[in-house]
Amino acid sequence: MSKIVGLTGGVGSGKTTVARMFEALGVPVYIADDEAKLLMQHSKSVQQELVQLLGDHCYIDGQLNRTFIASKIFADKSLLEQINAIVHPKLAIHFDAWLSKQTTPYVIKEVAILFEMESQHLFDFILTVTSPKETRIQRVIQRDQKTKTEVELIIKNQLSELEKIQQSHFVIHNKTLKDTQAEVYSIHTEILKKLNNS
């Protein structure tokens, strides 16, 4: 069975960019957020539970209404925990099925809220991506059309980068693409070495 490297980092830190660099090295990548959205869109049981929790406005013409869900969560943080309780057990089953088909020494599982979910024990190694705060804010403003205040609130609600770094086996300081690529290659080599020696 492939070992699991948890890839995490604050909003706008560049996790997906780093994940794609590992993919280019032949490492299979599972992006939990993307798979969770697909489950919310296509799983009938998840849809029913979300409608029960939040009402019919969760879906418009069969499409997940992310804006509505985001506004609900923004107003009531406990709803996020309830949504996670609906989606995450099914996501875990989906990931296990995906993992069972992999044949590489290790895989990457990108999880934005890895520490917040207290799921450290599920990973063989944890890799945190960091980036300067202003860079992160600008990235998210451009990517998600959010205001600076909205992005700062998201950052405030996430575990601090320092706390993540302290609990990680590897850290990538994502400043320039060239340096990040070099760090990815170096960590990839080190993980393979560790697995060969274990």
C-alpha atoms as a PDB file:
ATOM      1  CA  MET A   1       0.000   0.000   0.000  1.00  0.00           C
ATOM      2  CA  SER A   2       1.274   3.461  -0.910  1.00  0.00           C
ATOM      3  CA  LYS A   3       2.246   5.737   1.976  1.00  0.00           C
ATOM      4  CA  ILE A   4       0.188   8.925   2.355  1.00  0.00           C
ATOM      5  CA  VAL A   5       1.692  12.409   2.399  1.00  0.00           C
ATOM      6  CA  GLY A   6      -0.751  15.043   3.642  1.00  0.00           C
ATOM      7  CA  LEU A   7      -0.310  18.328   1.802  1.00  0.00           C
ATOM      8  CA  THR A   8      -1.741  21.379   3.547  1.00  0.00           C
ATOM      9  CA  GLY A   9      -1.298  25.121   3.981  1.00  0.00           C
ATOM     10  CA  GLY A  10      -3.344  28.257   4.530  1.00  0.00           C
ATOM     11  CA  VAL A  11      -5.689  29.710   1.929  1.00  0.00           C
ATOM     12  CA  GLY A  12      -3.749  31.098  -1.051  1.00  0.00           C
ATOM     13  CA  SER A  13      -0.457  29.482  -0.026  1.00  0.00           C
ATOM     14  CA  GLY A  14      -0.135  27.595  -3.329  1.00  0.00           C
ATOM     15  CA  LYS A  15      -1.058  24.025  -2.292  1.00  0.00           C
ATOM     16  CA  THR A  16      -2.535  23.130  -5.675  1.00  0.00           C
ATOM     17  CA  THR A  17       0.508  24.477  -7.534  1.00  0.00           C
ATOM     18  CA  VAL A  18       2.747  22.314  -5.328  1.00  0.00           C
ATOM     19  CA  ALA A  19       0.428  19.312  -5.793  1.00  0.00           C
ATOM     20  CA  ARG A  20       0.723  19.655  -9.588  1.00  0.00           C
ATOM     21  CA  MET A  21       4.528  19.726  -9.300  1.00  0.00           C
ATOM     22  CA  PHE A  22       4.452  16.398  -7.432  1.00  0.00           C
ATOM     23  CA  GLU A  23       2.083  15.062 -10.082  1.00  0.00           C
ATOM     24  CA  ALA A  24       4.628  16.014 -12.750  1.00  0.00           C
ATOM     25  CA  LEU A  25       7.117  13.769 -10.880  1.00  0.00           C
ATOM     26  CA  GLY A  26       4.697  10.838 -11.217  1.00  0.00           C
ATOM     27  CA  VAL A  27       3.131  11.051  -7.753  1.00  0.00           C
ATOM     28  CA  PRO A  28      -0.661  10.454  -7.746  1.00  0.00           C
ATOM     29  CA  VAL A  29      -2.542  13.377  -6.182  1.00  0.00           C
ATOM     30  CA  TYR A  30      -5.945  13.401  -4.481  1.00  0.00           C
ATOM     31  CA  ILE A  31      -7.401  16.888  -3.925  1.00  0.00           C
ATOM     32  CA  ALA A  32      -9.902  16.486  -1.091  1.00  0.00           C
ATOM     33  CA  ASP A  33     -11.704  19.812  -1.669  1.00  0.00           C
ATOM     34  CA  ASP A  34     -12.389  19.012  -5.336  1.00  0.00           C
ATOM     35  CA  GLU A  35     -13.606  15.504  -4.511  1.00  0.00           C
ATOM     36  CA  ALA A  36     -15.837  16.876  -1.708  1.00  0.00           C
ATOM     37  CA  LYS A  37     -17.459  19.296  -4.182  1.00  0.00           C
ATOM     38  CA  LEU A  38     -18.064  16.421  -6.617  1.00  0.00           C
ATOM     39  CA  LEU A  39     -19.674  14.379  -3.842  1.00  0.00           C
ATOM     40  CA  MET A  40     -21.915  17.310  -2.875  1.00  0.00           C
ATOM     41  CA  GLN A  41     -22.875  17.673  -6.525  1.00  0.00           C
ATOM     42  CA  HIS A  42     -23.419  14.025  -7.484  1.00  0.00           C
ATOM     43  CA  SER A  43     -24.108  11.900  -4.381  1.00  0.00           C
ATOM     44  CA  LYS A  44     -27.875  11.560  -3.853  1.00  0.00           C
ATOM     45  CA  SER A  45     -27.507  10.764  -0.136  1.00  0.00           C
ATOM     46  CA  VAL A  46     -25.237  13.789   0.431  1.00  0.00           C
ATOM     47  CA  GLN A  47     -27.709  15.995  -1.452  1.00  0.00           C
ATOM     48  CA  GLN A  48     -30.622  14.796   0.680  1.00  0.00           C
ATOM     49  CA  GLU A  49     -28.741  15.416   3.927  1.00  0.00           C
ATOM     50  CA  LEU A  50     -27.616  18.887   2.831  1.00  0.00           C
ATOM     51  CA  VAL A  51     -31.173  19.858   1.850  1.00  0.00           C
ATOM     52  CA  GLN A  52     -32.389  18.557   5.221  1.00  0.00           C
ATOM     53  CA  LEU A  53     -29.785  20.697   6.974  1.00  0.00           C
ATOM     54  CA  LEU A  54     -29.913  23.895   4.914  1.00  0.00           C
ATOM     55  CA  GLY A  55     -33.128  23.762   2.870  1.00  0.00           C
ATOM     56  CA  ASP A  56     -33.884  23.566  -0.861  1.00  0.00           C
ATOM     57  CA  HIS A  57     -31.719  26.587  -1.733  1.00  0.00           C
ATOM     58  CA  CYS A  58     -28.607  24.345  -1.538  1.00  0.00           C
ATOM     59  CA  TYR A  59     -29.187  23.430  -5.182  1.00  0.00           C
ATOM     60  CA  ILE A  60     -30.390  25.526  -8.110  1.00  0.00           C
ATOM     61  CA  ASP A  61     -31.536  23.487 -11.119  1.00  0.00           C
ATOM     62  CA  GLY A  62     -29.611  20.505  -9.754  1.00  0.00           C
ATOM     63  CA  GLN A  63     -26.378  22.516  -9.358  1.00  0.00           C
ATOM     64  CA  LEU A  64     -24.703  23.025  -5.991  1.00  0.00           C
ATOM     65  CA  ASN A  65     -25.372  26.594  -4.805  1.00  0.00           C
ATOM     66  CA  ARG A  66     -21.966  27.371  -3.295  1.00  0.00           C
ATOM     67  CA  THR A  67     -22.722  31.053  -2.711  1.00  0.00           C
ATOM     68  CA  PHE A  68     -25.779  30.200  -0.605  1.00  0.00           C
ATOM     69  CA  ILE A  69     -23.900  27.528   1.374  1.00  0.00           C
ATOM     70  CA  ALA A  70     -20.943  29.885   1.946  1.00  0.00           C
ATOM     71  CA  SER A  71     -23.286  32.620   3.255  1.00  0.00           C
ATOM     72  CA  LYS A  72     -24.917  30.143   5.661  1.00  0.00           C
ATOM     73  CA  ILE A  73     -21.553  28.922   6.988  1.00  0.00           C
ATOM     74  CA  PHE A  74     -20.322  32.516   7.302  1.00  0.00           C
ATOM     75  CA  ALA A  75     -23.277  33.312   9.587  1.00  0.00           C
ATOM     76  CA  ASP A  76     -23.115  30.089  11.624  1.00  0.00           C
ATOM     77  CA  LYS A  77     -19.789  28.259  12.085  1.00  0.00           C
ATOM     78  CA  SER A  78     -21.485  25.180  13.617  1.00  0.00           C
ATOM     79  CA  LEU A  79     -23.102  24.540  10.215  1.00  0.00           C
ATOM     80  CA  LEU A  80     -19.650  23.963   8.724  1.00  0.00           C
ATOM     81  CA  GLU A  81     -19.033  21.187  11.253  1.00  0.00           C
ATOM     82  CA  GLN A  82     -22.402  19.640  10.393  1.00  0.00           C
ATOM     83  CA  ILE A  83     -21.647  19.791   6.643  1.00  0.00           C
ATOM     84  CA  ASN A  84     -18.228  18.220   7.279  1.00  0.00           C
ATOM     85  CA  ALA A  85     -19.949  15.457   9.283  1.00  0.00           C
ATOM     86  CA  ILE A  86     -22.134  14.716   6.235  1.00  0.00           C
ATOM     87  CA  VAL A  87     -19.417  14.886   3.562  1.00  0.00           C
ATOM     88  CA  HIS A  88     -16.199  13.661   5.235  1.00  0.00           C
ATOM     89  CA  PRO A  89     -17.158  10.045   6.085  1.00  0.00           C
ATOM     90  CA  LYS A  90     -18.158   9.494   2.433  1.00  0.00           C
ATOM     91  CA  LEU A  91     -15.021  11.281   1.271  1.00  0.00           C
ATOM     92  CA  ALA A  92     -12.907   8.925   3.437  1.00  0.00           C
ATOM     93  CA  ILE A  93     -14.522   5.884   1.746  1.00  0.00           C
ATOM     94  CA  HIS A  94     -13.901   7.444  -1.689  1.00  0.00           C
ATOM     95  CA  PHE A  95     -10.241   8.162  -0.845  1.00  0.00           C
ATOM     96  CA  ASP A  96      -9.658   4.589   0.432  1.00  0.00           C
ATOM     97  CA  ALA A  97     -11.060   3.178  -2.825  1.00  0.00           C
ATOM     98  CA  TRP A  98      -8.798   5.535  -4.827  1.00  0.00           C
ATOM     99  CA  LEU A  99      -5.752   4.675  -2.669  1.00  0.00           C
ATOM    100  CA  SER A 100      -6.261   0.929  -3.129  1.00  0.00           C
ATOM    101  CA  LYS A 101      -5.705   1.390  -6.895  1.00  0.00           C
ATOM    102  CA  GLN A 102      -2.373   3.239  -6.539  1.00  0.00           C
ATOM    103  CA  THR A 103       0.939   1.443  -6.985  1.00  0.00           C
ATOM    104  CA  THR A 104       3.498   4.198  -6.324  1.00  0.00           C
ATOM    105  CA  PRO A 105       5.653   4.331  -3.146  1.00  0.00           C
ATOM    106  CA  TYR A 106       3.577   7.277  -1.913  1.00  0.00           C
ATOM    107  CA  VAL A 107       0.621   9.485  -2.837  1.00  0.00           C
ATOM    108  CA  ILE A 108      -0.253  13.099  -2.030  1.00  0.00           C
ATOM    109  CA  LYS A 109      -3.562  13.949  -0.391  1.00  0.00           C
ATOM    110  CA  GLU A 110      -4.188  17.685  -0.420  1.00  0.00           C
ATOM    111  CA  VAL A 111      -6.319  18.683   2.572  1.00  0.00           C
ATOM    112  CA  ALA A 112      -6.811  22.395   3.272  1.00  0.00           C
ATOM    113  CA  ILE A 113      -8.026  21.845   6.858  1.00  0.00           C
ATOM    114  CA  LEU A 114      -5.810  18.876   7.776  1.00  0.00           C
ATOM    115  CA  PHE A 115      -4.838  20.256  11.216  1.00  0.00           C
ATOM    116  CA  GLU A 116      -8.188  21.921  11.868  1.00  0.00           C
ATOM    117  CA  MET A 117      -9.843  18.492  11.406  1.00  0.00           C
ATOM    118  CA  GLU A 118      -7.201  16.957  13.719  1.00  0.00           C
ATOM    119  CA  SER A 119      -6.497  14.290  11.102  1.00  0.00           C
ATOM    120  CA  GLN A 120      -2.689  14.239  11.471  1.00  0.00           C
ATOM    121  CA  HIS A 121      -2.767  10.552  12.520  1.00  0.00           C
ATOM    122  CA  LEU A 122      -4.054   9.544   9.061  1.00  0.00           C
ATOM    123  CA  PHE A 123      -0.788  10.500   7.324  1.00  0.00           C
ATOM    124  CA  ASP A 124       2.710   9.039   7.148  1.00  0.00           C
ATOM    125  CA  PHE A 125       4.197  12.478   6.470  1.00  0.00           C
ATOM    126  CA  ILE A 126       2.794  16.000   6.508  1.00  0.00           C
ATOM    127  CA  LEU A 127       3.962  18.745   4.160  1.00  0.00           C
ATOM    128  CA  THR A 128       2.918  22.358   4.763  1.00  0.00           C
ATOM    129  CA  VAL A 129       3.101  25.032   2.076  1.00  0.00           C
ATOM    130  CA  THR A 130       3.647  28.586   3.290  1.00  0.00           C
ATOM    131  CA  SER A 131       3.671  31.904   1.487  1.00  0.00           C
ATOM    132  CA  PRO A 132       3.911  35.564   2.557  1.00  0.00           C
ATOM    133  CA  LYS A 133       0.555  36.787   3.901  1.00  0.00           C
ATOM    134  CA  GLU A 134       0.189  39.665   1.405  1.00  0.00           C
ATOM    135  CA  THR A 135       0.896  37.304  -1.506  1.00  0.00           C
ATOM    136  CA  ARG A 136      -1.760  34.898  -0.214  1.00  0.00           C
ATOM    137  CA  ILE A 137      -4.325  37.698   0.137  1.00  0.00           C
ATOM    138  CA  GLN A 138      -3.687  38.942  -3.418  1.00  0.00           C
ATOM    139  CA  ARG A 139      -3.917  35.412  -4.850  1.00  0.00           C
ATOM    140  CA  VAL A 140      -7.294  34.732  -3.231  1.00  0.00           C
ATOM    141  CA  ILE A 141      -8.696  38.169  -4.175  1.00  0.00           C
ATOM    142  CA  GLN A 142      -7.818  37.450  -7.825  1.00  0.00           C
ATOM    143  CA  ARG A 143      -8.871  33.776  -7.782  1.00  0.00           C
ATOM    144  CA  ASP A 144     -12.133  33.979  -5.827  1.00  0.00           C
ATOM    145  CA  GLN A 145     -13.152  37.631  -6.344  1.00  0.00           C
ATOM    146  CA  LYS A 146     -13.210  38.170  -2.577  1.00  0.00           C
ATOM    147  CA  THR A 147     -12.494  41.386  -0.717  1.00  0.00           C
ATOM    148  CA  LYS A 148      -9.330  41.817   1.347  1.00  0.00           C
ATOM    149  CA  THR A 149     -11.439  41.779   4.539  1.00  0.00           C
ATOM    150  CA  GLU A 150     -13.074  38.467   3.555  1.00  0.00           C
ATOM    151  CA  VAL A 151      -9.690  36.857   2.862  1.00  0.00           C
ATOM    152  CA  GLU A 152      -8.221  38.139   6.130  1.00  0.00           C
ATOM    153  CA  LEU A 153     -11.189  36.623   7.988  1.00  0.00           C
ATOM    154  CA  ILE A 154     -10.568  33.230   6.342  1.00  0.00           C
ATOM    155  CA  ILE A 155      -6.875  33.413   7.329  1.00  0.00           C
ATOM    156  CA  LYS A 156      -7.853  34.375  10.895  1.00  0.00           C
ATOM    157  CA  ASN A 157     -10.149  31.323  11.137  1.00  0.00           C
ATOM    158  CA  GLN A 158      -7.386  28.944  10.029  1.00  0.00           C
ATOM    159  CA  LEU A 159      -4.608  27.598  12.219  1.00  0.00           C
ATOM    160  CA  SER A 160      -1.533  29.874  12.057  1.00  0.00           C
ATOM    161  CA  GLU A 161       1.273  28.957   9.666  1.00  0.00           C
ATOM    162  CA  LEU A 162       3.681  28.657  12.593  1.00  0.00           C
ATOM    163  CA  GLU A 163       1.474  26.048  14.308  1.00  0.00           C
ATOM    164  CA  LYS A 164       1.227  24.088  11.056  1.00  0.00           C
ATOM    165  CA  ILE A 165       4.993  24.210  10.477  1.00  0.00           C
ATOM    166  CA  GLN A 166       5.674  22.927  14.006  1.00  0.00           C
ATOM    167  CA  GLN A 167       3.575  19.827  13.310  1.00  0.00           C
ATOM    168  CA  SER A 168       4.930  19.096   9.812  1.00  0.00           C
ATOM    169  CA  HIS A 169       7.679  16.801   8.533  1.00  0.00           C
ATOM    170  CA  PHE A 170       8.367  19.034   5.521  1.00  0.00           C
ATOM    171  CA  VAL A 171       7.788  22.705   4.695  1.00  0.00           C
ATOM    172  CA  ILE A 172       7.800  24.459   1.330  1.00  0.00           C
ATOM    173  CA  HIS A 173       8.240  28.248   1.305  1.00  0.00           C
ATOM    174  CA  ASN A 174       6.356  29.115  -1.876  1.00  0.00           C
ATOM    175  CA  LYS A 175       7.843  32.410  -3.074  1.00  0.00           C
ATOM    176  CA  THR A 176       9.051  31.821  -6.642  1.00  0.00           C
ATOM    177  CA  LEU A 177       8.020  28.953  -8.922  1.00  0.00           C
ATOM    178  CA  LYS A 178      11.647  28.038  -9.618  1.00  0.00           C
ATOM    179  CA  ASP A 179      12.547  27.739  -5.914  1.00  0.00           C
ATOM    180  CA  THR A 180       9.322  25.891  -5.121  1.00  0.00           C
ATOM    181  CA  GLN A 181      10.020  23.391  -7.895  1.00  0.00           C
ATOM    182  CA  ALA A 182      13.502  22.777  -6.467  1.00  0.00           C
ATOM    183  CA  GLU A 183      12.019  22.265  -2.966  1.00  0.00           C
ATOM    184  CA  VAL A 184       9.416  19.830  -4.329  1.00  0.00           C
ATOM    185  CA  TYR A 185      12.106  17.772  -6.057  1.00  0.00           C
ATOM    186  CA  SER A 186      14.259  17.741  -2.934  1.00  0.00           C
ATOM    187  CA  ILE A 187      11.347  16.606  -0.698  1.00  0.00           C
ATOM    188  CA  HIS A 188      10.287  13.983  -3.264  1.00  0.00           C
ATOM    189  CA  THR A 189      13.827  12.547  -3.206  1.00  0.00           C
ATOM    190  CA  GLU A 190      13.946  12.618   0.602  1.00  0.00           C
ATOM    191  CA  ILE A 191      10.575  10.843   0.966  1.00  0.00           C
ATOM    192  CA  LEU A 192      11.662   8.098  -1.446  1.00  0.00           C
ATOM    193  CA  LYS A 193      14.926   7.708   0.496  1.00  0.00           C
ATOM    194  CA  LYS A 194      13.048   7.440   3.814  1.00  0.00           C
ATOM    195  CA  LEU A 195      10.659   4.850   2.377  1.00  0.00           C
ATOM    196  CA  ASN A 196      13.525   2.796   0.928  1.00  0.00           C
ATOM    197  CA  ASN A 197      15.237   2.763   4.314  1.00  0.00           C
ATOM    198  CA  SER A 198      12.138   1.900   6.340  1.00  0.00           C
END
